[in-house]
């Protein structure tokens, strides 16, 4: 048993993914290895209150249960069962491990554990994985529900904190005036850059290498100012939500969004948040990105594992999405 657990742990190490489902499978494997030598099989069974904290989730039972349900933990393992079996075969094993969920009746808690099964005699795991993924992929009405990580829990870069504060601020405040001043400075810079380029066009002296370098530098800096600062803010005003530049968040943070929302006093606030969901097909993490093509201002949810195939719409108010089928 311990050899099989070590083999599964090796597969997890080589196939790291983001999201709670991976963390749960990794935690289940690690905690089972700690109890692999026990003669009591019950020691290798875990309920939500045992499993979720080991995976970095909530500690209380009710919160842990809801968190595990949202991660679609079992779908994550089932969708990857074929790849796991191939890893076990390549390692020379005749058995593999699969996640089993037992839901007793009454007041007994649902438990999860890892069960060995024969690779030669039992192909039901692979068939179930294929059926689950095919059914999910063919369901054009598949819906997902987005979770919002609120302001303050998405860490901003240290140099962006004077503008964003603790993650949220009222637009009609001194920090809002600071935003307006910063944007005016950027607009003046762009106008000044355009004026410099215009001056170069009227200069009748021979063009030198330094002139070309200056024109290129002005053009690159002007594009960066427009792309990173001005365009997202203009889209934010129109759409009430826009992707935050990578420069806004800390280096170890995932992609985040800038959102205009109303607080309890109906004041307009600008806040740094993150909307995520769980892919109903492969249980990967769904992140917001801009769509491609004519609707490039539209935010869509893309699975981090298969970003061009598992794509979902995004409704900021209802926090739901539906799978977008490619034509």
Protein backbone atom coordinates (compact mmCIF):
# COMPACT_ATOMS: atom_id res chain seq x y z
CA UNK A 1 0.00 0.00 0.00
CA UNK A 2 2.74 2.44 0.90
CA UNK A 3 4.49 1.79 -2.41
CA UNK A 4 1.29 2.65 -4.29
CA UNK A 5 0.86 5.79 -2.23
CA UNK A 6 4.40 6.89 -2.99
CA UNK A 7 3.76 6.30 -6.70
CA UNK A 8 0.62 8.46 -6.56
CA UNK A 9 2.52 11.14 -4.70
CA UNK A 10 5.16 11.12 -7.46
CA UNK A 11 2.43 11.64 -10.07
CA UNK A 12 1.02 14.56 -8.10
CA UNK A 13 4.47 16.12 -7.83
CA UNK A 14 4.94 15.93 -11.61
CA UNK A 15 1.42 17.18 -12.40
CA UNK A 16 0.88 20.15 -10.14
CA UNK A 17 -2.16 22.32 -10.83
CA UNK A 18 -3.75 25.28 -9.12
CA UNK A 19 -6.96 24.98 -7.16
CA UNK A 20 -8.43 23.30 -4.12
CA UNK A 21 -9.11 19.96 -5.83
CA UNK A 22 -5.40 19.29 -6.38
CA UNK A 23 -4.64 20.37 -2.82
CA UNK A 24 -7.28 17.96 -1.50
CA UNK A 25 -5.93 14.99 -3.47
CA UNK A 26 -2.39 15.84 -2.39
CA UNK A 27 -3.49 16.17 1.24
CA UNK A 28 -5.41 12.88 1.09
CA UNK A 29 -2.33 11.12 -0.28
CA UNK A 30 0.04 12.69 2.25
CA UNK A 31 -2.18 11.99 5.25
CA UNK A 32 -2.76 8.40 4.09
CA UNK A 33 1.01 7.84 3.80
CA UNK A 34 1.39 8.90 7.43
CA UNK A 35 -1.05 6.15 8.44
CA UNK A 36 -0.03 3.53 5.87
CA UNK A 37 1.51 1.24 8.48
CA UNK A 38 -1.60 1.16 10.66
CA UNK A 39 -3.50 -2.14 10.79
CA UNK A 40 -6.79 -0.28 11.25
CA UNK A 41 -8.23 0.75 7.84
CA UNK A 42 -10.33 3.39 9.59
CA UNK A 43 -7.17 5.34 10.28
CA UNK A 44 -6.85 5.98 6.54
CA UNK A 45 -10.37 7.38 6.21
CA UNK A 46 -10.98 11.13 6.48
CA UNK A 47 -14.03 13.33 6.79
CA UNK A 48 -14.31 16.96 5.67
CA UNK A 49 -13.05 18.29 9.00
CA UNK A 50 -9.89 16.18 8.69
CA UNK A 51 -9.24 16.68 4.99
CA UNK A 52 -9.97 20.36 4.34
CA UNK A 53 -7.53 21.89 6.89
CA UNK A 54 -4.76 19.61 5.62
CA UNK A 55 -5.36 21.07 2.14
CA UNK A 56 -5.36 24.67 3.33
CA UNK A 57 -9.15 24.96 3.55
CA UNK A 58 -11.47 25.99 6.39
CA UNK A 59 -11.33 24.14 9.70
CA UNK A 60 -14.97 24.08 10.79
CA UNK A 61 -16.94 21.08 9.56
CA UNK A 62 -19.76 22.91 7.76
CA UNK A 63 -17.39 25.32 5.99
CA UNK A 64 -15.03 22.46 5.12
CA UNK A 65 -17.89 20.40 3.68
CA UNK A 66 -19.08 23.25 1.46
CA UNK A 67 -15.52 24.01 0.37
CA UNK A 68 -14.88 20.42 -0.68
CA UNK A 69 -18.16 20.33 -2.61
CA UNK A 70 -17.23 23.52 -4.49
CA UNK A 71 -13.83 22.15 -5.54
CA UNK A 72 -15.42 19.12 -7.28
CA UNK A 73 -12.68 17.03 -5.74
CA UNK A 74 -13.96 13.67 -6.97
CA UNK A 75 -14.41 14.91 -10.54
CA UNK A 76 -10.84 16.18 -10.49
CA UNK A 77 -9.52 12.73 -9.57
CA UNK A 78 -11.90 10.88 -11.90
CA UNK A 79 -11.02 13.01 -14.92
CA UNK A 80 -7.32 12.24 -14.41
CA UNK A 81 -7.70 8.56 -13.52
CA UNK A 82 -6.55 7.33 -16.94
CA UNK A 83 -3.33 9.36 -16.69
CA UNK A 84 -2.80 8.08 -13.14
CA UNK A 85 -3.23 4.49 -14.31
CA UNK A 86 -0.65 5.00 -17.06
CA UNK A 87 1.78 6.32 -14.45
CA UNK A 88 1.26 3.23 -12.29
CA UNK A 89 1.77 0.93 -15.28
CA UNK A 90 4.95 2.75 -16.27
CA UNK A 91 6.22 2.30 -12.71
CA UNK A 92 5.64 -1.47 -12.99
CA UNK A 93 2.61 -1.76 -10.72
CA UNK A 94 -0.32 -4.07 -11.34
CA UNK A 95 -2.56 -1.97 -9.11
CA UNK A 96 -3.51 1.69 -8.91
CA UNK A 97 -5.27 3.91 -6.39
CA UNK A 98 -8.56 5.75 -6.74
CA UNK A 99 -10.53 8.14 -4.57
CA UNK A 100 -13.59 6.59 -2.93
CA UNK A 101 -16.34 8.52 -1.23
CA UNK A 102 -18.62 6.82 1.28
CA UNK A 103 -21.76 8.64 2.39
CA UNK A 104 -23.33 6.80 5.33
CA UNK A 105 -26.95 7.43 6.18
CA UNK A 106 -28.14 9.26 9.24
CA UNK A 107 -25.85 11.58 11.16
CA UNK A 108 -22.66 9.87 10.06
CA UNK A 109 -20.25 12.06 8.11
CA UNK A 110 -19.14 11.48 4.53
CA UNK A 111 -15.62 10.09 4.39
CA UNK A 112 -12.97 9.82 1.68
CA UNK A 113 -10.17 7.33 1.30
CA UNK A 114 -7.81 5.86 -1.30
CA UNK A 115 -8.60 2.34 -2.50
CA UNK A 116 -6.30 0.03 -4.49
CA UNK A 117 -7.71 -1.83 -7.49
CA UNK A 118 -6.33 -4.12 -10.19
CA UNK A 119 -5.28 -2.49 -13.46
CA UNK A 120 -5.72 -5.73 -15.41
CA UNK A 121 -9.15 -6.76 -14.18
CA UNK A 122 -10.89 -3.49 -13.39
CA UNK A 123 -11.37 -0.94 -16.15
CA UNK A 124 -14.49 0.64 -14.66
CA UNK A 125 -12.51 3.61 -13.34
CA UNK A 126 -11.33 4.53 -16.81
CA UNK A 127 -14.82 4.03 -18.25
CA UNK A 128 -16.35 6.17 -15.51
CA UNK A 129 -13.77 8.89 -16.10
CA UNK A 130 -14.49 8.90 -19.83
CA UNK A 131 -18.25 8.98 -19.23
CA UNK A 132 -17.98 11.82 -16.72
CA UNK A 133 -15.82 14.02 -18.92
CA UNK A 134 -17.81 13.28 -22.08
CA UNK A 135 -21.11 14.07 -20.38
CA UNK A 136 -19.76 17.30 -18.96
CA UNK A 137 -18.14 18.33 -22.24
CA UNK A 138 -21.28 17.63 -24.26
CA UNK A 139 -23.57 19.53 -21.90
CA UNK A 140 -23.99 22.89 -23.61
CA UNK A 141 -26.02 24.21 -20.69
CA UNK A 142 -23.31 23.45 -18.12
CA UNK A 143 -23.26 26.29 -15.63
CA UNK A 144 -20.63 27.37 -13.16
CA UNK A 145 -20.85 29.64 -10.14
CA UNK A 146 -18.11 32.17 -9.51
CA UNK A 147 -16.67 32.89 -6.08
CA UNK A 148 -15.41 36.38 -5.33
CA UNK A 149 -12.32 36.88 -3.21
CA UNK A 150 -13.22 40.19 -1.52
CA UNK A 151 -11.08 43.34 -1.25
CA UNK A 152 -8.25 43.05 1.21
CA UNK A 153 -7.62 39.36 0.53
CA UNK A 154 -5.99 40.02 -2.85
CA UNK A 155 -2.60 41.49 -2.05
CA UNK A 156 -1.60 44.50 -4.12
CA UNK A 157 2.00 45.21 -5.08
CA UNK A 158 3.80 47.38 -2.54
CA UNK A 159 4.17 50.28 -4.98
CA UNK A 160 0.43 50.14 -5.84
CA UNK A 161 -0.75 50.37 -2.23
CA UNK A 162 -0.76 54.21 -2.16
CA UNK A 163 -3.34 54.10 -4.98
CA UNK A 164 -5.42 51.07 -3.91
CA UNK A 165 -4.94 51.19 -0.13
CA UNK A 166 -6.24 48.09 1.66
CA UNK A 167 -7.90 46.88 -1.54
CA UNK A 168 -10.90 49.22 -1.67
CA UNK A 169 -11.61 52.94 -1.42
CA UNK A 170 -14.43 55.39 -2.08
CA UNK A 171 -13.88 57.16 -5.38
CA UNK A 172 -14.90 60.52 -3.93
CA UNK A 173 -12.02 60.69 -1.49
CA UNK A 174 -8.44 61.91 -1.39
CA UNK A 175 -7.33 58.62 -2.90
CA UNK A 176 -9.80 59.12 -5.74
CA UNK A 177 -8.27 62.55 -6.36
CA UNK A 178 -4.86 60.89 -6.39
CA UNK A 179 -6.12 58.55 -9.14
CA UNK A 180 -7.41 61.48 -11.17
CA UNK A 181 -4.08 63.30 -10.78
CA UNK A 182 -2.12 60.21 -11.83
CA UNK A 183 -4.33 59.71 -14.89
CA UNK A 184 -4.00 63.37 -15.88
CA UNK A 185 -0.23 63.07 -15.66
CA UNK A 186 -0.32 60.01 -17.93
CA UNK A 187 -2.59 61.77 -20.44
CA UNK A 188 -0.26 64.77 -20.48
CA UNK A 189 2.67 62.43 -21.05
CA UNK A 190 0.93 60.82 -24.03
CA UNK A 191 0.11 64.22 -25.53
CA UNK A 192 3.68 65.35 -24.99
CA UNK A 193 4.95 62.17 -26.69
CA UNK A 194 2.69 62.79 -29.69
CA UNK A 195 3.95 66.37 -29.85
CA UNK A 196 7.56 65.17 -29.86
CA UNK A 197 6.84 62.75 -32.69
CA UNK A 198 5.18 65.55 -34.61
CA UNK A 199 8.25 67.74 -34.10
CA UNK A 200 10.45 65.00 -35.55
CA UNK A 201 8.32 64.91 -38.71
CA UNK A 202 8.96 68.63 -39.30
CA UNK A 203 12.67 68.45 -38.57
CA UNK A 204 14.54 68.90 -41.87
CA UNK A 205 18.00 67.83 -40.71
CA UNK A 206 19.36 64.36 -41.58
CA UNK A 207 17.89 61.56 -39.47
CA UNK A 208 20.44 60.09 -37.05
CA UNK A 209 20.60 56.83 -35.13
CA UNK A 210 19.92 58.69 -31.88
CA UNK A 211 16.74 60.11 -33.42
CA UNK A 212 15.50 56.64 -34.35
CA UNK A 213 16.28 55.37 -30.85
CA UNK A 214 14.42 58.31 -29.31
CA UNK A 215 11.37 57.77 -31.55
CA UNK A 216 11.33 54.06 -30.73
CA UNK A 217 11.64 54.74 -26.98
CA UNK A 218 8.83 57.33 -27.06
CA UNK A 219 6.57 54.96 -29.00
CA UNK A 220 7.22 52.00 -26.68
CA UNK A 221 6.68 54.02 -23.50
CA UNK A 222 3.55 55.60 -24.95
CA UNK A 223 2.14 52.17 -25.85
CA UNK A 224 2.96 50.85 -22.37
CA UNK A 225 1.21 53.78 -20.67
CA UNK A 226 -1.88 53.27 -22.83
CA UNK A 227 -1.93 49.47 -22.54
CA UNK A 228 -1.17 49.13 -18.82
CA UNK A 229 -2.84 52.20 -17.31
CA UNK A 230 -5.16 54.27 -19.48
CA UNK A 231 -7.03 51.63 -21.49
CA UNK A 232 -7.94 49.42 -18.47
CA UNK A 233 -9.22 52.47 -16.59
CA UNK A 234 -11.39 53.61 -19.51
CA UNK A 235 -12.79 50.08 -19.84
CA UNK A 236 -13.36 50.02 -16.08
CA UNK A 237 -15.50 53.15 -16.26
CA UNK A 238 -17.61 51.74 -19.10
CA UNK A 239 -17.87 48.10 -18.01
CA UNK A 240 -17.66 48.48 -14.20
CA UNK A 241 -15.00 45.74 -14.15
CA UNK A 242 -11.64 45.28 -15.88
CA UNK A 243 -8.63 43.02 -15.57
CA UNK A 244 -5.98 44.46 -13.28
CA UNK A 245 -2.54 44.65 -14.79
CA UNK A 246 0.07 42.22 -13.50
CA UNK A 247 1.82 45.28 -12.06
CA UNK A 248 -1.08 45.89 -9.67
CA UNK A 249 -0.86 42.64 -7.69
CA UNK A 250 1.94 41.00 -5.77
CA UNK A 251 4.22 38.69 -7.71
CA UNK A 252 2.90 35.53 -6.06
CA UNK A 253 -0.76 36.46 -6.61
CA UNK A 254 -2.95 35.17 -9.43
CA UNK A 255 -4.72 37.45 -11.89
CA UNK A 256 -7.16 39.90 -10.31
CA UNK A 257 -9.77 42.43 -11.38
CA UNK A 258 -10.52 46.09 -10.67
CA UNK A 259 -14.21 46.58 -9.98
CA UNK A 260 -16.47 49.58 -9.44
CA UNK A 261 -19.14 48.69 -6.90
CA UNK A 262 -21.49 50.33 -4.41
CA UNK A 263 -20.94 50.07 -0.67
CA UNK A 264 -23.65 49.91 2.00
CA UNK A 265 -24.01 53.71 1.86
CA UNK A 266 -24.47 53.57 -1.93
CA UNK A 267 -21.11 55.21 -2.52
CA UNK A 268 -19.11 54.21 -5.58
CA UNK A 269 -16.00 52.25 -4.58
CA UNK A 270 -13.05 50.97 -6.55
CA UNK A 271 -11.82 47.61 -5.31
CA UNK A 272 -9.27 44.94 -6.15
CA UNK A 273 -10.99 41.52 -6.26
CA UNK A 274 -10.65 38.11 -7.88
CA UNK A 275 -13.42 36.02 -9.44
CA UNK A 276 -12.77 32.29 -9.74
CA UNK A 277 -14.78 29.11 -10.30
CA UNK A 278 -14.29 25.37 -10.70
CA UNK A 279 -14.44 23.85 -14.18
CA UNK A 280 -17.31 21.31 -14.29
CA UNK A 281 -15.44 19.27 -16.91
CA UNK A 282 -11.99 18.75 -15.39
CA UNK A 283 -12.30 20.49 -11.99
CA UNK A 284 -9.54 22.94 -12.90
CA UNK A 285 -9.53 26.53 -11.70
CA UNK A 286 -11.51 28.91 -13.93
CA UNK A 287 -9.92 32.36 -14.20
CA UNK A 288 -11.20 35.50 -15.88
CA UNK A 289 -9.53 36.63 -19.10
CA UNK A 290 -10.39 38.90 -21.98
CA UNK A 291 -12.01 37.17 -24.94
CA UNK A 292 -10.35 37.14 -28.34
CA UNK A 293 -11.66 38.44 -31.64
CA UNK A 294 -14.33 41.13 -32.01
CA UNK A 295 -15.44 40.77 -28.36
CA UNK A 296 -12.02 41.43 -26.88
CA UNK A 297 -13.49 43.66 -24.15
CA UNK A 298 -15.66 40.82 -22.89
CA UNK A 299 -14.50 38.98 -19.77
CA UNK A 300 -14.86 35.20 -19.93
CA UNK A 301 -13.91 32.39 -17.60
CA UNK A 302 -11.12 30.15 -18.91
CA UNK A 303 -10.01 26.92 -17.29
CA UNK A 304 -6.37 27.16 -16.28
CA UNK A 305 -5.78 23.61 -17.56
CA UNK A 306 -7.55 23.89 -20.96
CA UNK A 307 -7.99 27.66 -21.48
CA UNK A 308 -9.06 27.54 -25.14
CA UNK A 309 -11.61 24.72 -24.85
CA UNK A 310 -13.22 25.00 -21.41
CA UNK A 311 -14.54 28.57 -21.72
CA UNK A 312 -17.51 30.07 -19.84
CA UNK A 313 -19.42 33.32 -19.85
CA UNK A 314 -19.22 35.66 -16.87
CA UNK A 315 -22.04 37.57 -15.19
CA UNK A 316 -20.66 39.92 -12.54
CA UNK A 317 -24.00 40.50 -10.80
CA UNK A 318 -25.38 36.94 -10.75
CA UNK A 319 -21.87 35.42 -10.50
CA UNK A 320 -22.77 32.58 -12.84
CA UNK A 321 -21.52 31.45 -16.22
CA UNK A 322 -22.45 29.06 -19.01
CA UNK A 323 -20.15 27.14 -21.29
CA UNK A 324 -19.32 28.89 -24.56
CA UNK A 325 -19.21 26.48 -27.48
CA UNK A 326 -16.68 27.15 -30.24
CA UNK A 327 -18.04 27.38 -33.74
